[in-house]
Amino acid sequence: MQTTRIKGLTIAALGVLFIVPDALLVKITSVDPVVFLFWRGLLLAISFFVISWARYRSRLVPEIRKCGRKGLFCAGAFAISTLGFVVGMKNTAAGNVLVILNTAPVIAAVIAWAVWKETLPLRTWIIILVCVSGATLMAVGEFGKGDPLGLMMAVVAATALASNLNVARSKPESDMSVMLMFGALALAAVAALLGGAQVPSSRDFFFIALLCLVFLPTACILIQIGPRYIPAAEVSLMLLLETVLGSFLVWLFLGEVPPNLSLIGGVIVFSALAVHGWTEVNRYRKARVAVD
């Protein structure tokens, strides 16, 4: 059991490390949201297919069928969460979006409890509340700026993310990551219908391609696999690390100096997640000693 938890936490943490450049690369592109969504969806669909084919080869179609209706739900939820994140970032302050996205672990835990009767240990709830508080401090400096549409789409993104991870958790025998290509393709199709099928500048296309052919495919697949081993709320919890490291990258490359509250919040989130990881590793070691 502890081995499974350590594996799940490691997979989720690696996924988060690959998704860290997301906010930076979204910010430095100057294309319209619908154009960004079209290329993001199309390039991700291609990347997801290539990775899934490399992993499963002739077993890919049976693996897709095994996901069933829950797999289709995960694909749709992935598309909706991506739509909410990008439109939210483009229409309101990043702080607004991050504050709302930070509630995803709580939403995931509530959904898991209400639908699948899955409960979390008290220590995990404490870590979730501490991390959400710290991440909220990070974003509070920008809170209140922007269009209400951005706020609404951030709520949609957080709820869709939590729902996706919970449904993936409910069917651990299936690899829901093979369904992500369909969600990305649906996103591209919707964006194309809205006029997003336009060629961006070479500079913008380079950053979009870098994000969608290198960082995001690896990150999304690892994060989608995570709920097979640990609760969806804990996968969402690990995603809060992106708030800290992503803000650091924006400061490093774009010169956006974070306010003092952001620094304090970042230390709280990073410290809480470090304590959580150390605790789980320690529990794993003790369990191994007891077995030996």
Protein backbone atom coordinates (compact mmCIF):
# COMPACT_ATOMS: atom_id res chain seq x y z
CA MET A 1 0.00 0.00 0.00
CA GLN A 2 2.74 2.46 0.98
CA THR A 3 4.72 1.49 -2.13
CA THR A 4 1.70 2.40 -4.25
CA ARG A 5 1.33 5.76 -2.50
CA ILE A 6 5.01 6.64 -2.99
CA LYS A 7 4.71 5.70 -6.67
CA GLY A 8 1.61 7.88 -7.07
CA LEU A 9 3.17 10.87 -5.32
CA THR A 10 6.33 10.55 -7.43
CA ILE A 11 4.39 10.36 -10.69
CA ALA A 12 2.25 13.40 -9.74
CA ALA A 13 5.31 15.40 -8.65
CA LEU A 14 7.12 14.69 -11.92
CA GLY A 15 4.01 15.74 -13.82
CA VAL A 16 3.92 19.02 -11.93
CA LEU A 17 7.58 19.74 -12.71
CA PHE A 18 6.84 19.44 -16.43
CA ILE A 19 3.76 21.68 -16.23
CA VAL A 20 5.58 24.50 -14.38
CA PRO A 21 6.45 26.48 -17.60
CA ASP A 22 2.75 26.57 -18.60
CA ALA A 23 1.85 29.94 -17.06
CA LEU A 24 5.08 31.56 -18.32
CA LEU A 25 4.60 30.40 -21.92
CA VAL A 26 0.91 31.39 -21.90
CA LYS A 27 1.85 34.87 -20.69
CA ILE A 28 4.59 35.55 -23.25
CA THR A 29 2.43 34.71 -26.28
CA SER A 30 0.40 37.53 -27.80
CA VAL A 31 -2.17 35.53 -29.80
CA ASP A 32 -5.92 35.66 -29.16
CA PRO A 33 -7.20 33.04 -26.69
CA VAL A 34 -9.15 31.17 -29.38
CA VAL A 35 -6.05 30.91 -31.62
CA PHE A 36 -3.97 29.75 -28.67
CA LEU A 37 -6.61 27.12 -27.81
CA PHE A 38 -6.71 25.82 -31.39
CA TRP A 39 -2.97 25.21 -31.60
CA ARG A 40 -2.76 23.99 -28.02
CA GLY A 41 -5.49 21.44 -28.69
CA LEU A 42 -4.15 20.32 -32.07
CA LEU A 43 -0.52 19.96 -31.03
CA LEU A 44 -1.47 18.23 -27.78
CA ALA A 45 -3.68 15.76 -29.66
CA ILE A 46 -0.74 14.87 -31.90
CA SER A 47 1.63 14.56 -28.92
CA PHE A 48 -0.79 12.44 -26.89
CA PHE A 49 -1.33 10.09 -29.82
CA VAL A 50 2.40 9.65 -30.44
CA ILE A 51 3.12 8.97 -26.76
CA SER A 52 0.16 6.58 -26.38
CA TRP A 53 1.13 4.72 -29.57
CA ALA A 54 4.73 4.40 -28.38
CA ARG A 55 3.54 2.98 -25.06
CA TYR A 56 0.88 0.54 -26.28
CA ARG A 57 1.39 -0.05 -30.03
CA SER A 58 -1.13 -2.72 -31.13
CA ARG A 59 -2.75 -2.67 -27.67
CA LEU A 60 -3.75 1.01 -27.95
CA VAL A 61 -7.27 0.44 -29.34
CA PRO A 62 -8.16 -2.19 -26.70
CA GLU A 63 -6.77 0.13 -24.01
CA ILE A 64 -8.99 2.95 -25.27
CA ARG A 65 -12.06 0.70 -25.29
CA LYS A 66 -11.30 -0.42 -21.74
CA CYS A 67 -11.70 3.18 -20.53
CA GLY A 68 -15.39 3.15 -21.56
CA ARG A 69 -17.75 5.99 -20.77
CA LYS A 70 -15.61 7.18 -17.89
CA GLY A 71 -12.78 7.67 -20.35
CA LEU A 72 -15.00 9.86 -22.52
CA PHE A 73 -15.89 11.88 -19.42
CA CYS A 74 -12.18 12.36 -18.60
CA ALA A 75 -11.49 13.48 -22.17
CA GLY A 76 -14.31 16.03 -22.02
CA ALA A 77 -13.32 17.26 -18.57
CA PHE A 78 -9.72 17.71 -19.72
CA ALA A 79 -10.90 19.84 -22.65
CA ILE A 80 -13.14 21.95 -20.41
CA SER A 81 -10.45 22.48 -17.75
CA THR A 82 -7.95 23.56 -20.42
CA LEU A 83 -10.51 25.94 -21.94
CA GLY A 84 -11.25 27.41 -18.51
CA PHE A 85 -7.57 27.88 -17.65
CA VAL A 86 -6.57 29.61 -20.89
CA VAL A 87 -9.66 31.84 -21.16
CA GLY A 88 -9.34 32.69 -17.47
CA MET A 89 -5.68 33.66 -17.81
CA LYS A 90 -6.40 35.80 -20.87
CA ASN A 91 -9.40 37.61 -19.33
CA THR A 92 -8.47 38.32 -15.73
CA ALA A 93 -5.44 38.69 -13.49
CA ALA A 94 -3.38 35.54 -12.94
CA GLY A 95 -3.98 35.96 -9.21
CA ASN A 96 -7.73 35.57 -9.67
CA VAL A 97 -7.30 32.38 -11.66
CA LEU A 98 -4.77 30.90 -9.24
CA VAL A 99 -6.91 31.64 -6.16
CA ILE A 100 -9.81 29.73 -7.69
CA LEU A 101 -7.70 26.90 -9.12
CA ASN A 102 -6.18 26.45 -5.69
CA THR A 103 -9.55 25.16 -4.47
CA ALA A 104 -9.26 22.10 -6.77
CA PRO A 105 -7.90 19.79 -3.99
CA VAL A 106 -10.86 20.64 -1.76
CA ILE A 107 -13.34 20.19 -4.63
CA ALA A 108 -11.72 16.84 -5.49
CA ALA A 109 -11.91 15.66 -1.87
CA VAL A 110 -15.57 16.67 -1.56
CA ILE A 111 -16.49 14.93 -4.84
CA ALA A 112 -14.63 11.77 -3.78
CA TRP A 113 -16.45 11.75 -0.43
CA ALA A 114 -19.91 12.56 -1.83
CA VAL A 115 -19.85 10.23 -4.86
CA TRP A 116 -17.45 7.41 -4.04
CA LYS A 117 -17.42 7.60 -0.23
CA GLU A 118 -13.62 7.90 -0.26
CA THR A 119 -12.21 9.63 2.81
CA LEU A 120 -8.83 11.19 3.41
CA PRO A 121 -6.78 10.90 6.61
CA LEU A 122 -6.74 13.94 8.87
CA ARG A 123 -3.06 14.65 8.09
CA THR A 124 -3.89 15.00 4.39
CA TRP A 125 -6.76 17.40 5.09
CA ILE A 126 -4.42 19.51 7.21
CA ILE A 127 -1.82 19.63 4.41
CA ILE A 128 -4.55 20.55 1.87
CA LEU A 129 -5.85 23.42 4.00
CA VAL A 130 -2.34 24.73 4.72
CA CYS A 131 -1.37 24.59 1.04
CA VAL A 132 -4.59 26.22 -0.15
CA SER A 133 -4.07 29.02 2.39
CA GLY A 134 -0.47 29.54 1.27
CA ALA A 135 -1.36 29.49 -2.43
CA THR A 136 -4.17 31.97 -1.80
CA LEU A 137 -1.69 34.34 -0.13
CA MET A 138 0.47 34.10 -3.25
CA ALA A 139 -2.35 35.26 -5.50
CA VAL A 140 -4.06 37.80 -3.25
CA GLY A 141 -1.89 40.69 -4.52
CA GLU A 142 -3.55 40.54 -7.93
CA PHE A 143 -7.00 39.59 -6.72
CA GLY A 144 -9.91 41.70 -7.94
CA LYS A 145 -8.55 42.78 -11.31
CA GLY A 146 -10.06 41.67 -14.60
CA ASP A 147 -13.21 40.52 -16.32
CA PRO A 148 -15.88 38.42 -14.49
CA LEU A 149 -15.72 36.01 -17.46
CA GLY A 150 -12.20 35.09 -16.37
CA LEU A 151 -13.40 34.33 -12.83
CA MET A 152 -16.23 32.15 -14.10
CA MET A 153 -13.93 30.19 -16.41
CA ALA A 154 -11.46 29.65 -13.57
CA VAL A 155 -14.26 28.08 -11.51
CA VAL A 156 -15.11 25.86 -14.49
CA ALA A 157 -11.44 24.85 -14.82
CA ALA A 158 -11.07 23.93 -11.13
CA THR A 159 -14.29 21.88 -11.08
CA ALA A 160 -13.49 20.08 -14.34
CA LEU A 161 -9.96 19.25 -13.15
CA ALA A 162 -11.22 17.84 -9.86
CA SER A 163 -13.96 15.84 -11.62
CA ASN A 164 -11.53 14.43 -14.19
CA LEU A 165 -9.07 13.18 -11.57
CA ASN A 166 -11.85 11.68 -9.47
CA VAL A 167 -13.35 9.74 -12.36
CA ALA A 168 -9.87 8.49 -13.32
CA ARG A 169 -9.41 7.42 -9.68
CA SER A 170 -12.68 5.46 -9.78
CA LYS A 171 -11.33 3.13 -12.49
CA PRO A 172 -7.66 2.49 -11.60
CA GLU A 173 -7.44 -0.60 -13.82
CA SER A 174 -7.73 1.64 -16.91
CA ASP A 175 -5.14 4.11 -18.15
CA MET A 176 -7.23 7.23 -18.74
CA SER A 177 -4.24 9.08 -20.20
CA VAL A 178 -4.95 7.43 -23.58
CA MET A 179 -8.20 9.42 -23.71
CA LEU A 180 -6.49 12.80 -23.48
CA MET A 181 -5.92 12.91 -27.25
CA PHE A 182 -9.69 13.01 -27.79
CA GLY A 183 -10.16 15.83 -25.30
CA ALA A 184 -7.40 17.84 -26.97
CA LEU A 185 -8.86 17.18 -30.43
CA ALA A 186 -12.31 18.31 -29.26
CA LEU A 187 -10.75 21.49 -27.89
CA ALA A 188 -9.07 22.20 -31.23
CA ALA A 189 -12.31 21.54 -33.13
CA VAL A 190 -14.31 23.97 -30.97
CA ALA A 191 -11.60 26.63 -31.28
CA ALA A 192 -11.52 26.15 -35.06
CA LEU A 193 -15.30 26.69 -35.27
CA LEU A 194 -14.80 29.93 -33.34
CA GLY A 195 -12.20 31.15 -35.83
CA GLY A 196 -9.04 30.00 -34.07
CA ALA A 197 -7.51 28.18 -37.07
CA GLN A 198 -5.09 30.99 -37.82
CA VAL A 199 -1.31 30.91 -38.20
CA PRO A 200 0.39 32.88 -35.39
CA SER A 201 3.71 34.66 -35.71
CA SER A 202 6.80 32.48 -35.80
CA ARG A 203 7.76 33.67 -32.31
CA ASP A 204 4.39 32.79 -30.80
CA PHE A 205 4.25 29.48 -32.65
CA PHE A 206 7.67 28.52 -31.30
CA PHE A 207 6.55 29.02 -27.69
CA ILE A 208 3.21 27.28 -28.27
CA ALA A 209 4.97 24.33 -29.91
CA LEU A 210 7.56 24.14 -27.12
CA LEU A 211 4.76 24.03 -24.56
CA CYS A 212 2.45 21.61 -26.38
CA LEU A 213 4.98 19.22 -27.90
CA VAL A 214 7.40 18.95 -24.97
CA PHE A 215 6.20 20.10 -21.56
CA LEU A 216 2.42 19.65 -21.48
CA PRO A 217 2.10 16.16 -23.03
CA THR A 218 4.45 14.65 -20.50
CA ALA A 219 2.90 16.60 -17.63
CA CYS A 220 -0.71 15.80 -18.52
CA ILE A 221 -0.09 12.09 -18.99
CA LEU A 222 1.76 11.76 -15.67
CA ILE A 223 -0.90 13.75 -13.81
CA GLN A 224 -3.68 11.70 -15.44
CA ILE A 225 -1.95 8.46 -14.36
CA GLY A 226 -1.49 9.71 -10.78
CA PRO A 227 -5.06 8.94 -9.55
CA ARG A 228 -4.51 5.25 -10.29
CA TYR A 229 -2.30 5.17 -7.19
CA ILE A 230 -3.35 8.03 -4.88
CA PRO A 231 -6.60 9.97 -4.24
CA ALA A 232 -7.55 12.69 -6.72
CA ALA A 233 -7.34 15.29 -3.93
CA GLU A 234 -3.66 14.48 -3.41
CA VAL A 235 -2.90 14.77 -7.12
CA SER A 236 -4.62 18.18 -7.10
CA LEU A 237 -2.62 19.03 -3.99
CA MET A 238 0.64 18.38 -5.81
CA LEU A 239 -0.50 20.76 -8.55
CA LEU A 240 -0.28 23.62 -6.05
CA LEU A 241 3.48 23.30 -6.40
CA GLU A 242 3.03 24.75 -9.89
CA THR A 243 1.77 27.97 -8.28
CA VAL A 244 5.09 28.37 -6.47
CA LEU A 245 7.49 27.29 -9.20
CA GLY A 246 5.46 28.88 -12.00
CA SER A 247 5.49 32.25 -10.23
CA PHE A 248 9.25 31.90 -9.77
CA LEU A 249 9.73 31.35 -13.52
CA VAL A 250 7.56 34.38 -14.36
CA TRP A 251 9.67 36.48 -11.98
CA LEU A 252 12.92 35.06 -13.37
CA PHE A 253 12.17 35.58 -17.08
CA LEU A 254 9.61 38.40 -17.17
CA GLY A 255 10.78 40.42 -14.18
CA GLU A 256 7.39 40.33 -12.41
CA VAL A 257 8.60 40.67 -8.83
CA PRO A 258 6.19 38.90 -6.47
CA PRO A 259 4.88 40.87 -3.46
CA ASN A 260 5.87 39.88 0.07
CA LEU A 261 2.61 37.96 0.57
CA SER A 262 3.42 35.85 -2.47
CA LEU A 263 6.84 34.98 -1.07
CA ILE A 264 5.33 34.03 2.29
CA GLY A 265 2.62 31.97 0.60
CA GLY A 266 5.18 30.22 -1.59
CA VAL A 267 7.27 29.24 1.43
CA ILE A 268 4.14 27.88 3.15
CA VAL A 269 3.11 25.76 0.14
CA PHE A 270 6.59 24.45 -0.57
CA SER A 271 7.23 23.64 3.10
CA ALA A 272 3.87 21.89 3.53
CA LEU A 273 4.38 19.74 0.45
CA ALA A 274 7.95 18.93 1.52
CA VAL A 275 6.68 17.84 4.94
CA HIS A 276 3.94 15.77 3.28
CA GLY A 277 6.45 14.03 1.01
CA TRP A 278 8.91 13.42 3.84
CA THR A 279 6.14 12.00 6.05
CA GLU A 280 4.98 9.57 3.36
CA VAL A 281 8.53 8.39 2.64
CA ASN A 282 9.11 7.92 6.37
CA ARG A 283 5.89 5.90 6.71
CA TYR A 284 7.00 3.77 3.75
CA ARG A 285 10.38 3.07 5.36
CA LYS A 286 8.77 2.12 8.67
CA ALA A 287 6.34 -0.20 6.88
CA ARG A 288 9.23 -1.93 5.10
CA VAL A 289 11.14 -2.37 8.34
CA ALA A 290 8.03 -3.86 9.98
CA VAL A 291 7.61 -6.35 7.11
CA ASP A 292 11.29 -7.33 7.15
